[in-house]
Amino acid sequence: MTGTIVHIGGYTADTGGRGEGIVAARRDPESGRLTPLGTVAVTPAPSFLVRHPSLPVLYAVNELPEGQVSAFAVGTDGGLTPLGVRSTGGAEPAHLAVAPDGGHLFVANYGGGSVAVLPLDGQGVPGDRTDLVVHQGHGPDPQRQEQAHCHMVSPDPGTGPLLAVDLGTDSVYRYDLDAATGRLTPRAPRVHTVAGTGPRHLARHPDGRRCWLSGELDATVTAYELTVDGALHQLGRVDASGRSGHVQPSEITVGPDGRFLYLGNRGVGTVAVFALDGELPRLVDEVDTGGEWPRHFAFAGRHLYVADERADMVRVFWVDPESGVPSPVGEPVPTGSPTCVLP
């Protein structure tokens, strides 16, 4: 049963949203369809979710002015049992990730412009924070880049550094973790994007040698070569969308077979599909999601699940294995203010 459960996070009344907490749904592996099972954890603003790599434990940020992270034991039926709540040390945590060995949890505090580290015990329960690194600086956009705004933490699946994407300072920071102390050591120099890019999320290729960055503020995708020691060498930039109008990129991910890159575009309400057969991503199609604000999406098998925050729905797509292009399946699944889908 656990392999067919999808958890959905979103905004609650605490943050002006219409959700009640974390929702579970059962996924049909053949058709991809979702059957909602209801709210399985009432917790404030669980806007991003992640699972422990080896334990049945789920973690959620609570995107509040005084940020928190909540941990839950995952039942075989998708039910969630609280394991603990810890402070993230910063405002509005928007993303989190678990170290590959399962020993630490990393949190991106968007409002606080910082990266928090929390140790995890043998049962996956988070302890008190062991480090908090606060970014300094700003970008050219006075509304969105008045200070640092860390938006994503991306641990290297191997031995490379942790990458922290900061929208406010147009930067990707690199950190080495001392597993014994839970402290981060900055690895210089930090990677600067083009001014005003507003980098949001980063997608790594399975080969470990390439990655791509979504530019929330300038509607671009930046391609990088990723070296063994965690250095990022920019290869070039492409437009995030072929549509006209306001384009605000969100989630970015590489498809399961590594041939295509997928990017959510809020405003125009699309998922753009790029072929990865050259040095730079090549736009091959752009699919309407049925809403205007695709905040996040995730793959499960040959299906793509798209959370549209403002349309209060999760949309299911079947992805053609040859062309990489998604096609909608069935009716949207009603969900209040969804911001994260975790198959």
Protein backbone atom coordinates (compact mmCIF):
# COMPACT_ATOMS: atom_id res chain seq x y z
CA MET A 1 0.00 0.00 0.00
CA THR A 2 2.73 2.48 0.94
CA GLY A 3 4.13 2.45 -2.60
CA THR A 4 0.85 3.79 -3.95
CA ILE A 5 0.32 6.57 -1.42
CA VAL A 6 0.82 10.21 -2.43
CA HIS A 7 1.08 12.96 0.19
CA ILE A 8 0.15 16.53 -0.68
CA GLY A 9 1.25 19.63 1.22
CA GLY A 10 -0.13 23.13 0.92
CA TYR A 11 -1.10 26.39 2.53
CA THR A 12 -3.54 26.52 5.43
CA ALA A 13 -5.58 29.36 6.93
CA ASP A 14 -2.47 30.39 8.90
CA THR A 15 -0.96 31.63 5.64
CA GLY A 16 -4.10 32.60 3.72
CA GLY A 17 -4.56 29.16 2.16
CA ARG A 18 -7.52 26.82 1.88
CA GLY A 19 -5.92 23.55 2.99
CA GLU A 20 -6.13 21.94 6.42
CA GLY A 21 -2.75 20.19 6.51
CA ILE A 22 -1.17 17.22 4.76
CA VAL A 23 -3.53 15.24 2.50
CA ALA A 24 -3.07 11.62 1.44
CA ALA A 25 -4.31 10.02 -1.77
CA ARG A 26 -4.08 6.50 -3.16
CA ARG A 27 -2.45 6.23 -6.60
CA ASP A 28 -3.44 3.64 -9.16
CA PRO A 29 -0.08 2.62 -10.70
CA GLU A 30 -1.70 1.68 -14.02
CA SER A 31 -4.00 4.63 -14.69
CA GLY A 32 -2.20 7.13 -12.48
CA ARG A 33 -5.49 8.27 -10.99
CA LEU A 34 -5.63 9.55 -7.42
CA THR A 35 -8.30 8.69 -4.84
CA PRO A 36 -8.23 11.25 -2.01
CA LEU A 37 -8.07 9.77 1.50
CA GLY A 38 -8.51 13.06 3.35
CA THR A 39 -6.32 15.14 5.63
CA VAL A 40 -3.94 12.87 7.54
CA ALA A 41 -2.07 15.54 9.52
CA VAL A 42 -3.43 18.88 10.68
CA THR A 43 -0.32 21.07 10.70
CA PRO A 44 0.15 24.74 9.74
CA ALA A 45 1.32 25.61 6.21
CA PRO A 46 3.12 22.36 5.28
CA SER A 47 4.26 23.88 1.99
CA PHE A 48 7.03 21.38 1.20
CA LEU A 49 7.39 17.69 2.04
CA VAL A 50 10.20 15.16 1.84
CA ARG A 51 10.72 11.54 2.89
CA HIS A 52 13.59 9.93 4.77
CA PRO A 53 15.73 7.86 2.35
CA SER A 54 15.42 4.61 4.34
CA LEU A 55 12.81 5.05 7.10
CA PRO A 56 9.00 5.47 6.90
CA VAL A 57 9.27 9.09 8.04
CA LEU A 58 7.94 12.23 6.36
CA TYR A 59 9.11 15.77 7.05
CA ALA A 60 7.22 19.01 6.37
CA VAL A 61 8.27 22.62 6.65
CA ASN A 62 5.76 24.82 8.46
CA GLU A 63 6.10 28.04 6.45
CA LEU A 64 5.39 30.43 9.32
CA PRO A 65 6.96 33.73 10.51
CA GLU A 66 8.75 31.60 13.11
CA GLY A 67 9.62 28.62 10.97
CA GLN A 68 9.24 25.04 12.07
CA VAL A 69 9.78 21.55 10.70
CA SER A 70 7.42 18.70 11.61
CA ALA A 71 8.25 14.99 11.45
CA PHE A 72 5.72 12.16 11.05
CA ALA A 73 5.86 8.38 11.03
CA VAL A 74 4.16 7.12 7.86
CA GLY A 75 1.67 4.26 8.26
CA THR A 76 1.05 1.61 5.61
CA ASP A 77 -2.31 3.28 4.87
CA GLY A 78 -0.71 6.71 4.42
CA GLY A 79 -1.64 7.86 7.91
CA LEU A 80 0.79 10.17 9.70
CA THR A 81 1.74 10.00 13.39
CA PRO A 82 3.56 13.07 14.81
CA LEU A 83 7.17 12.45 15.88
CA GLY A 84 8.19 15.98 16.79
CA VAL A 85 8.34 19.66 15.85
CA ARG A 86 11.52 21.73 15.79
CA SER A 87 12.35 25.37 15.11
CA THR A 88 14.19 26.13 11.89
CA GLY A 89 15.68 29.34 13.30
CA GLY A 90 14.33 31.48 10.48
CA ALA A 91 11.15 32.80 8.89
CA GLU A 92 9.07 31.04 6.24
CA PRO A 93 10.98 27.83 5.52
CA ALA A 94 10.10 26.88 1.94
CA HIS A 95 12.13 23.73 1.22
CA LEU A 96 13.90 20.88 2.99
CA ALA A 97 15.99 17.84 2.14
CA VAL A 98 17.51 14.87 3.95
CA ALA A 99 21.21 14.03 3.68
CA PRO A 100 21.74 10.87 1.58
CA ASP A 101 22.88 8.91 4.65
CA GLY A 102 19.72 9.92 6.54
CA GLY A 103 21.68 11.56 9.34
CA HIS A 104 20.73 15.23 8.93
CA LEU A 105 17.90 17.42 7.70
CA PHE A 106 18.61 20.64 5.78
CA VAL A 107 16.05 23.46 5.65
CA ALA A 108 15.90 26.57 3.44
CA ASN A 109 14.42 29.52 5.34
CA TYR A 110 13.04 31.79 2.61
CA GLY A 111 12.07 34.71 4.82
CA GLY A 112 15.14 34.32 6.99
CA GLY A 113 17.56 33.94 4.10
CA SER A 114 19.29 31.09 5.88
CA VAL A 115 20.10 27.36 5.88
CA ALA A 116 19.36 25.29 8.99
CA VAL A 117 20.77 21.88 9.91
CA LEU A 118 18.97 19.46 12.24
CA PRO A 119 20.38 16.05 13.27
CA LEU A 120 18.20 12.96 12.82
CA ASP A 121 18.37 10.03 15.23
CA GLY A 122 18.12 6.33 14.36
CA GLN A 123 14.34 6.58 14.12
CA GLY A 124 14.49 9.68 11.91
CA VAL A 125 13.36 12.04 14.69
CA PRO A 126 14.89 15.53 14.37
CA GLY A 127 16.88 16.98 17.26
CA ASP A 128 17.72 20.57 18.09
CA ARG A 129 19.34 22.59 15.33
CA THR A 130 23.11 22.20 15.06
CA ASP A 131 23.76 25.06 12.65
CA LEU A 132 22.17 28.10 11.04
CA VAL A 133 24.01 29.88 8.23
CA VAL A 134 22.55 33.29 7.34
CA HIS A 135 23.16 34.65 3.84
CA GLN A 136 23.95 38.33 3.34
CA GLY A 137 23.29 40.66 0.42
CA HIS A 138 20.55 41.57 -2.02
CA GLY A 139 19.73 41.70 -5.73
CA PRO A 140 18.51 44.41 -8.14
CA ASP A 141 14.77 43.75 -7.65
CA PRO A 142 13.72 46.01 -4.71
CA GLN A 143 10.52 44.05 -4.03
CA ARG A 144 11.78 40.46 -4.23
CA GLN A 145 15.53 40.81 -3.64
CA GLU A 146 15.72 43.32 -0.80
CA GLN A 147 17.61 40.68 1.21
CA ALA A 148 18.67 37.05 1.02
CA HIS A 149 15.86 34.54 0.36
CA CYS A 150 17.10 30.94 0.42
CA HIS A 151 14.64 28.89 -1.65
CA MET A 152 16.13 25.39 -1.95
CA VAL A 153 18.66 23.04 -0.40
CA SER A 154 20.07 20.30 -2.63
CA PRO A 155 22.39 17.69 -1.07
CA ASP A 156 24.78 15.94 -3.41
CA PRO A 157 23.78 12.27 -3.78
CA GLY A 158 27.48 11.41 -3.57
CA THR A 159 30.24 13.19 -1.67
CA GLY A 160 29.93 16.67 -3.17
CA PRO A 161 28.82 19.78 -1.30
CA LEU A 162 25.30 20.82 -0.32
CA LEU A 163 23.97 23.41 -2.78
CA ALA A 164 21.75 26.20 -1.40
CA VAL A 165 19.84 28.26 -3.97
CA ASP A 166 19.16 31.86 -2.92
CA LEU A 167 16.63 33.91 -4.87
CA GLY A 168 17.42 37.16 -3.05
CA THR A 169 21.16 37.26 -3.68
CA ASP A 170 21.20 35.65 -7.16
CA SER A 171 23.50 32.95 -5.79
CA VAL A 172 24.09 29.26 -5.32
CA TYR A 173 26.05 28.67 -2.11
CA ARG A 174 28.10 25.50 -1.51
CA TYR A 175 28.58 23.91 1.90
CA ASP A 176 30.41 20.91 3.32
CA LEU A 177 28.78 19.18 6.27
CA ASP A 178 30.77 17.95 9.24
CA ALA A 179 28.63 14.94 10.09
CA ALA A 180 30.07 14.68 13.60
CA THR A 181 29.11 18.22 14.65
CA GLY A 182 26.27 18.97 12.22
CA ARG A 183 28.00 22.19 11.18
CA LEU A 184 28.33 23.62 7.68
CA THR A 185 31.56 24.98 6.22
CA PRO A 186 31.18 27.31 3.22
CA ARG A 187 33.04 26.22 0.12
CA ALA A 188 34.19 29.30 -1.81
CA PRO A 189 33.47 30.83 -4.14
CA ARG A 190 29.70 31.00 -4.27
CA VAL A 191 28.12 30.81 -7.73
CA HIS A 192 26.61 34.08 -8.97
CA THR A 193 23.81 33.99 -11.54
CA VAL A 194 23.02 36.85 -13.91
CA ALA A 195 21.73 39.74 -11.78
CA GLY A 196 17.95 39.67 -11.38
CA THR A 197 17.62 35.95 -12.22
CA GLY A 198 16.02 35.16 -8.87
CA PRO A 199 17.10 31.49 -8.81
CA ARG A 200 14.42 29.30 -7.21
CA HIS A 201 15.05 25.57 -7.65
CA LEU A 202 17.78 23.38 -9.07
CA ALA A 203 17.48 20.07 -10.91
CA ARG A 204 20.37 17.60 -11.08
CA HIS A 205 20.85 15.14 -13.92
CA PRO A 206 21.21 11.47 -12.87
CA ASP A 207 24.68 11.45 -14.44
CA GLY A 208 25.86 13.87 -11.74
CA ARG A 209 27.60 16.07 -14.29
CA ARG A 210 24.88 18.57 -15.19
CA CYS A 211 22.26 20.70 -13.47
CA TRP A 212 19.74 23.39 -14.34
CA LEU A 213 18.42 26.36 -12.39
CA SER A 214 14.95 27.92 -12.73
CA GLY A 215 15.00 31.73 -12.71
CA GLU A 216 11.79 32.84 -11.01
CA LEU A 217 12.28 36.55 -11.65
CA ASP A 218 13.63 36.65 -15.22
CA ALA A 219 11.83 33.55 -16.58
CA THR A 220 14.93 31.64 -17.63
CA VAL A 221 16.62 28.27 -17.26
CA THR A 222 20.37 28.35 -16.70
CA ALA A 223 22.41 25.28 -17.63
CA TYR A 224 25.54 24.29 -15.70
CA GLU A 225 28.27 21.72 -15.89
CA LEU A 226 28.66 20.20 -12.41
CA THR A 227 32.17 19.05 -11.58
CA VAL A 228 33.19 16.29 -9.16
CA ASP A 229 34.18 18.84 -6.52
CA GLY A 230 30.82 20.62 -6.74
CA ALA A 231 31.81 23.55 -8.94
CA LEU A 232 29.16 24.92 -11.31
CA HIS A 233 30.29 26.18 -14.72
CA GLN A 234 27.60 28.05 -16.62
CA LEU A 235 26.93 26.75 -20.13
CA GLY A 236 24.20 29.20 -21.12
CA ARG A 237 20.60 30.29 -20.60
CA VAL A 238 17.30 29.72 -22.38
CA ASP A 239 13.79 31.14 -22.00
CA ALA A 240 11.56 29.28 -19.55
CA SER A 241 8.50 29.49 -21.80
CA GLY A 242 7.47 30.05 -25.39
CA ARG A 243 4.24 31.75 -24.28
CA SER A 244 3.60 35.47 -24.00
CA GLY A 245 2.42 37.04 -20.77
CA HIS A 246 3.63 36.89 -17.17
CA VAL A 247 5.88 33.86 -16.69
CA GLN A 248 7.08 32.94 -13.20
CA PRO A 249 8.96 29.61 -13.18
CA SER A 250 8.53 27.29 -10.21
CA GLU A 251 9.50 23.60 -10.00
CA ILE A 252 12.17 22.12 -12.25
CA THR A 253 13.08 18.44 -12.53
CA VAL A 254 14.68 15.90 -14.84
CA GLY A 255 12.46 13.07 -16.09
CA PRO A 256 13.14 9.52 -14.87
CA ASP A 257 15.15 8.48 -17.95
CA GLY A 258 17.27 11.64 -18.02
CA ARG A 259 16.25 12.66 -21.54
CA PHE A 260 13.94 15.56 -20.73
CA LEU A 261 13.79 18.54 -18.38
CA TYR A 262 10.44 19.73 -17.01
CA LEU A 263 9.66 23.24 -15.77
CA GLY A 264 6.47 24.64 -14.22
CA ASN A 265 5.51 28.13 -15.41
CA ARG A 266 3.10 30.04 -13.20
CA GLY A 267 1.14 32.87 -14.76
CA VAL A 268 0.80 31.12 -18.14
CA GLY A 269 -0.13 27.83 -16.42
CA THR A 270 2.13 25.43 -18.29
CA VAL A 271 4.70 22.69 -17.92
CA ALA A 272 7.49 23.23 -20.42
CA VAL A 273 9.33 20.16 -21.76
CA PHE A 274 12.96 20.51 -22.83
CA ALA A 275 15.09 17.90 -24.61
CA LEU A 276 18.52 17.40 -23.04
CA ASP A 277 20.24 16.24 -26.23
CA GLY A 278 22.57 19.23 -26.53
CA GLU A 279 24.61 21.62 -24.42
CA LEU A 280 21.52 23.73 -23.69
CA PRO A 281 17.94 22.55 -23.04
CA ARG A 282 15.79 22.62 -26.19
CA LEU A 283 12.08 23.42 -25.83
CA VAL A 284 10.05 20.65 -27.49
CA ASP A 285 6.57 21.34 -26.11
CA GLU A 286 4.63 23.33 -23.54
CA VAL A 287 1.51 21.80 -22.04
CA ASP A 288 -1.39 23.62 -20.40
CA THR A 289 -2.02 22.38 -16.87
CA GLY A 290 -5.64 23.55 -16.66
CA GLY A 291 -4.78 26.15 -14.02
CA GLU A 292 -2.61 29.25 -13.92
CA TRP A 293 -0.30 28.54 -10.98
CA PRO A 294 1.52 25.16 -11.22
CA ARG A 295 3.58 25.45 -8.05
CA HIS A 296 5.12 21.97 -7.89
CA PHE A 297 5.06 18.59 -9.63
CA ALA A 298 6.57 15.15 -9.24
CA PHE A 299 6.95 11.94 -11.22
CA ALA A 300 5.66 8.53 -10.20
CA GLY A 301 6.20 5.86 -12.84
CA ARG A 302 5.05 7.23 -16.22
CA HIS A 303 2.80 9.81 -14.56
CA LEU A 304 3.35 13.43 -13.61
CA TYR A 305 1.39 14.99 -10.74
CA VAL A 306 1.02 18.77 -10.90
CA ALA A 307 -0.08 20.84 -7.88
CA ASP A 308 -1.84 24.06 -8.90
CA GLU A 309 -1.87 26.27 -5.83
CA ARG A 310 -4.47 28.80 -6.95
CA ALA A 311 -6.77 26.39 -8.80
CA ASP A 312 -7.05 24.16 -5.70
CA MET A 313 -6.27 20.98 -7.62
CA VAL A 314 -3.73 18.29 -8.42
CA ARG A 315 -3.72 17.32 -12.09
CA VAL A 316 -2.55 13.92 -13.32
CA PHE A 317 -0.66 13.56 -16.62
CA TRP A 318 0.56 10.52 -18.53
CA VAL A 319 4.02 11.14 -19.99
CA ASP A 320 4.78 9.69 -23.41
CA PRO A 321 8.05 7.73 -23.05
CA GLU A 322 9.22 8.64 -26.55
CA SER A 323 8.35 12.34 -26.84
CA GLY A 324 8.46 13.10 -23.12
CA VAL A 325 5.27 15.15 -23.49
CA PRO A 326 2.57 14.94 -20.77
CA SER A 327 -1.15 14.42 -21.55
CA PRO A 328 -3.89 14.96 -18.94
CA VAL A 329 -5.57 11.89 -17.39
CA GLY A 330 -9.07 12.05 -15.94
CA GLU A 331 -10.45 14.91 -13.88
CA PRO A 332 -8.38 17.15 -11.56
CA VAL A 333 -8.31 16.11 -7.89
CA PRO A 334 -9.71 18.90 -5.67
CA THR A 335 -7.16 19.92 -3.02
CA GLY A 336 -6.98 23.19 -1.06
CA SER A 337 -4.01 25.38 -1.99
CA PRO A 338 -1.62 22.52 -2.89
CA THR A 339 2.06 23.45 -3.08
CA CYS A 340 3.86 20.08 -3.00
CA VAL A 341 3.17 16.55 -4.28
CA LEU A 342 5.16 13.67 -2.78
CA PRO A 343 4.57 10.24 -4.39
